[in-house]
Every structure is written in structure tokens, then in C-alpha cells.
Amino acid sequence: MIEASGKVSRYNRDNQALLVRLRRIEGQVRGVQRMVEDDRYCVDILIQIAAIKAAVDKVAAGLLEGHVRGCVAKAIREGHGDEAVSELMEVVGRLRQ
């Protein structure tokens, strides 16, 4: 898959597992919306939000690992490691925010 940046995406090897996780997260978010609509206890809602954040972080970690093992490793082998590492560090910085 070619991204808007013109680079080839490597994550689609585990695309089905990724989609399953994202759909589960989507369901969790809808559940939190219902909790808010039902005026549920704040702590219960916050616990669910923490679970959503953890699930999103797990998806990101899996994508990050695939990127490092695939794209970054390939770029290093092909002599483009500095650019790939710079891009990697930029995205890691965004993930930490």
C-alpha cells in the first residue's frame, strides 16, 4: 500500500488482526458514549477510557514494531538508515505526547 507520503506501508501483513483490534476499540468507544448518555458513574467511565487508551497503545506498539523490523531495517540495509531513523524518532515523539 502506498501512503500519501509516497512510501510503501508494510503493516498490511497483519491487516486482519489490526482491523479486529480497531473494531474492538471502536466498540469500546461506543460503549463509553452510552455510559455518558446514561449518566454512569465517572470512575467507571474513566476506567473504560483507560482501557481504550491501553488498547490503542497496543495497536500502535504493534505497528511500530512492524515498521522497525520491516521498513527501518530495509532502509538501513539499503543505506537510507539515517532518514528512516529520523522519521521513526519523529513518530515515536508523537506517540509519547
C-alpha atoms as a PDB file:
ATOM      1  CA  MET A   1       0.000   0.000   0.000  1.00  0.00           C
ATOM      2  CA  ILE A   2       1.391   3.420  -0.912  1.00  0.00           C
ATOM      3  CA  GLU A   3       0.747   6.163   1.614  1.00  0.00           C
ATOM      4  CA  ALA A   4       0.203   9.873   0.956  1.00  0.00           C
ATOM      5  CA  SER A   5       3.898  10.391   1.705  1.00  0.00           C
ATOM      6  CA  GLY A   6       4.718   8.168  -1.287  1.00  0.00           C
ATOM      7  CA  LYS A   7       6.184   5.480   0.949  1.00  0.00           C
ATOM      8  CA  VAL A   8       5.064   1.886   0.970  1.00  0.00           C
ATOM      9  CA  SER A   9       3.190   0.673   4.040  1.00  0.00           C
ATOM     10  CA  ARG A  10       4.245  -2.704   5.440  1.00  0.00           C
ATOM     11  CA  TYR A  11       1.629  -3.120   8.165  1.00  0.00           C
ATOM     12  CA  ASN A  12      -0.863  -4.933   5.956  1.00  0.00           C
ATOM     13  CA  ARG A  13       0.827  -8.278   6.631  1.00  0.00           C
ATOM     14  CA  ASP A  14      -1.224  -8.371   9.836  1.00  0.00           C
ATOM     15  CA  ASN A  15      -4.031  -6.261   8.433  1.00  0.00           C
ATOM     16  CA  GLN A  16      -6.829  -8.576   9.551  1.00  0.00           C
ATOM     17  CA  ALA A  17      -5.621  -8.724  13.167  1.00  0.00           C
ATOM     18  CA  LEU A  18      -5.190  -4.952  13.149  1.00  0.00           C
ATOM     19  CA  LEU A  19      -8.733  -4.431  11.884  1.00  0.00           C
ATOM     20  CA  VAL A  20     -10.128  -6.770  14.543  1.00  0.00           C
ATOM     21  CA  ARG A  21      -8.377  -4.784  17.279  1.00  0.00           C
ATOM     22  CA  LEU A  22      -9.537  -1.454  15.836  1.00  0.00           C
ATOM     23  CA  ARG A  23     -13.130  -2.642  15.616  1.00  0.00           C
ATOM     24  CA  ARG A  24     -12.949  -3.769  19.231  1.00  0.00           C
ATOM     25  CA  ILE A  25     -11.669  -0.305  20.201  1.00  0.00           C
ATOM     26  CA  GLU A  26     -14.463   1.282  18.185  1.00  0.00           C
ATOM     27  CA  GLY A  27     -16.965  -0.795  20.170  1.00  0.00           C
ATOM     28  CA  GLN A  28     -15.360   0.284  23.418  1.00  0.00           C
ATOM     29  CA  VAL A  29     -15.670   3.944  22.419  1.00  0.00           C
ATOM     30  CA  ARG A  30     -19.342   3.472  21.573  1.00  0.00           C
ATOM     31  CA  GLY A  31     -19.778   1.835  24.972  1.00  0.00           C
ATOM     32  CA  VAL A  32     -18.275   4.874  26.675  1.00  0.00           C
ATOM     33  CA  GLN A  33     -20.617   7.117  24.699  1.00  0.00           C
ATOM     34  CA  ARG A  34     -23.558   5.113  26.019  1.00  0.00           C
ATOM     35  CA  MET A  35     -22.167   5.325  29.538  1.00  0.00           C
ATOM     36  CA  VAL A  36     -22.047   9.118  29.277  1.00  0.00           C
ATOM     37  CA  GLU A  37     -25.564   9.228  27.812  1.00  0.00           C
ATOM     38  CA  ASP A  38     -26.770   7.047  30.706  1.00  0.00           C
ATOM     39  CA  ASP A  39     -25.024   9.335  33.204  1.00  0.00           C
ATOM     40  CA  ARG A  40     -22.961   6.480  34.610  1.00  0.00           C
ATOM     41  CA  TYR A  41     -20.514   6.886  37.473  1.00  0.00           C
ATOM     42  CA  CYS A  42     -17.475   8.962  36.424  1.00  0.00           C
ATOM     43  CA  VAL A  43     -14.935   6.467  37.744  1.00  0.00           C
ATOM     44  CA  ASP A  44     -16.486   3.661  35.688  1.00  0.00           C
ATOM     45  CA  ILE A  45     -16.228   5.815  32.567  1.00  0.00           C
ATOM     46  CA  LEU A  46     -12.621   6.727  33.332  1.00  0.00           C
ATOM     47  CA  ILE A  47     -11.717   3.066  33.782  1.00  0.00           C
ATOM     48  CA  GLN A  48     -13.152   2.321  30.349  1.00  0.00           C
ATOM     49  CA  ILE A  49     -11.242   5.244  28.836  1.00  0.00           C
ATOM     50  CA  ALA A  50      -8.033   3.869  30.358  1.00  0.00           C
ATOM     51  CA  ALA A  51      -8.800   0.506  28.740  1.00  0.00           C
ATOM     52  CA  ILE A  52      -9.314   2.215  25.378  1.00  0.00           C
ATOM     53  CA  LYS A  53      -6.018   4.074  25.713  1.00  0.00           C
ATOM     54  CA  ALA A  54      -4.222   0.829  26.537  1.00  0.00           C
ATOM     55  CA  ALA A  55      -5.779  -0.881  23.516  1.00  0.00           C
ATOM     56  CA  VAL A  56      -4.793   1.972  21.193  1.00  0.00           C
ATOM     57  CA  ASP A  57      -1.261   1.914  22.625  1.00  0.00           C
ATOM     58  CA  LYS A  58      -1.065  -1.821  21.930  1.00  0.00           C
ATOM     59  CA  VAL A  59      -2.098  -1.284  18.304  1.00  0.00           C
ATOM     60  CA  ALA A  60       0.491   1.481  17.969  1.00  0.00           C
ATOM     61  CA  ALA A  61       3.205  -0.696  19.512  1.00  0.00           C
ATOM     62  CA  GLY A  62       2.456  -3.494  17.073  1.00  0.00           C
ATOM     63  CA  LEU A  63       2.561  -1.141  14.113  1.00  0.00           C
ATOM     64  CA  LEU A  64       5.764   0.414  15.419  1.00  0.00           C
ATOM     65  CA  GLU A  65       7.437  -2.967  15.806  1.00  0.00           C
ATOM     66  CA  GLY A  66       6.409  -3.978  12.297  1.00  0.00           C
ATOM     67  CA  HIS A  67       7.744  -0.706  10.940  1.00  0.00           C
ATOM     68  CA  VAL A  68      11.085  -1.112  12.699  1.00  0.00           C
ATOM     69  CA  ARG A  69      11.516  -4.763  11.712  1.00  0.00           C
ATOM     70  CA  GLY A  70      10.376  -4.123   8.144  1.00  0.00           C
ATOM     71  CA  CYS A  71      10.744  -0.614   6.824  1.00  0.00           C
ATOM     72  CA  VAL A  72      13.526   0.683   9.055  1.00  0.00           C
ATOM     73  CA  ALA A  73      15.606  -2.489   8.782  1.00  0.00           C
ATOM     74  CA  LYS A  74      15.248  -2.431   4.991  1.00  0.00           C
ATOM     75  CA  ALA A  75      16.193   1.248   4.834  1.00  0.00           C
ATOM     76  CA  ILE A  76      19.310   0.570   6.909  1.00  0.00           C
ATOM     77  CA  ARG A  77      20.304  -2.347   4.659  1.00  0.00           C
ATOM     78  CA  GLU A  78      19.822  -0.116   1.599  1.00  0.00           C
ATOM     79  CA  GLY A  79      21.871   2.748   3.037  1.00  0.00           C
ATOM     80  CA  HIS A  80      18.957   5.030   3.936  1.00  0.00           C
ATOM     81  CA  GLY A  81      19.070   4.400   7.660  1.00  0.00           C
ATOM     82  CA  ASP A  82      19.541   7.981   8.811  1.00  0.00           C
ATOM     83  CA  GLU A  83      16.330   9.135   7.095  1.00  0.00           C
ATOM     84  CA  ALA A  84      14.383   6.150   8.397  1.00  0.00           C
ATOM     85  CA  VAL A  85      15.633   6.606  11.953  1.00  0.00           C
ATOM     86  CA  SER A  86      14.798  10.325  11.854  1.00  0.00           C
ATOM     87  CA  GLU A  87      11.282   9.530  10.677  1.00  0.00           C
ATOM     88  CA  LEU A  88      10.979   6.824  13.342  1.00  0.00           C
ATOM     89  CA  MET A  89      12.062   9.174  16.121  1.00  0.00           C
ATOM     90  CA  GLU A  90       9.571  11.799  14.950  1.00  0.00           C
ATOM     91  CA  VAL A  91       6.696   9.335  15.105  1.00  0.00           C
ATOM     92  CA  VAL A  92       7.839   7.969  18.488  1.00  0.00           C
ATOM     93  CA  GLY A  93       7.811  11.540  19.768  1.00  0.00           C
ATOM     94  CA  ARG A  94       4.237  11.970  18.586  1.00  0.00           C
ATOM     95  CA  LEU A  95       3.189   8.704  20.209  1.00  0.00           C
ATOM     96  CA  ARG A  96       4.601   9.859  23.552  1.00  0.00           C
ATOM     97  CA  GLN A  97       2.553  13.069  23.597  1.00  0.00           C
END
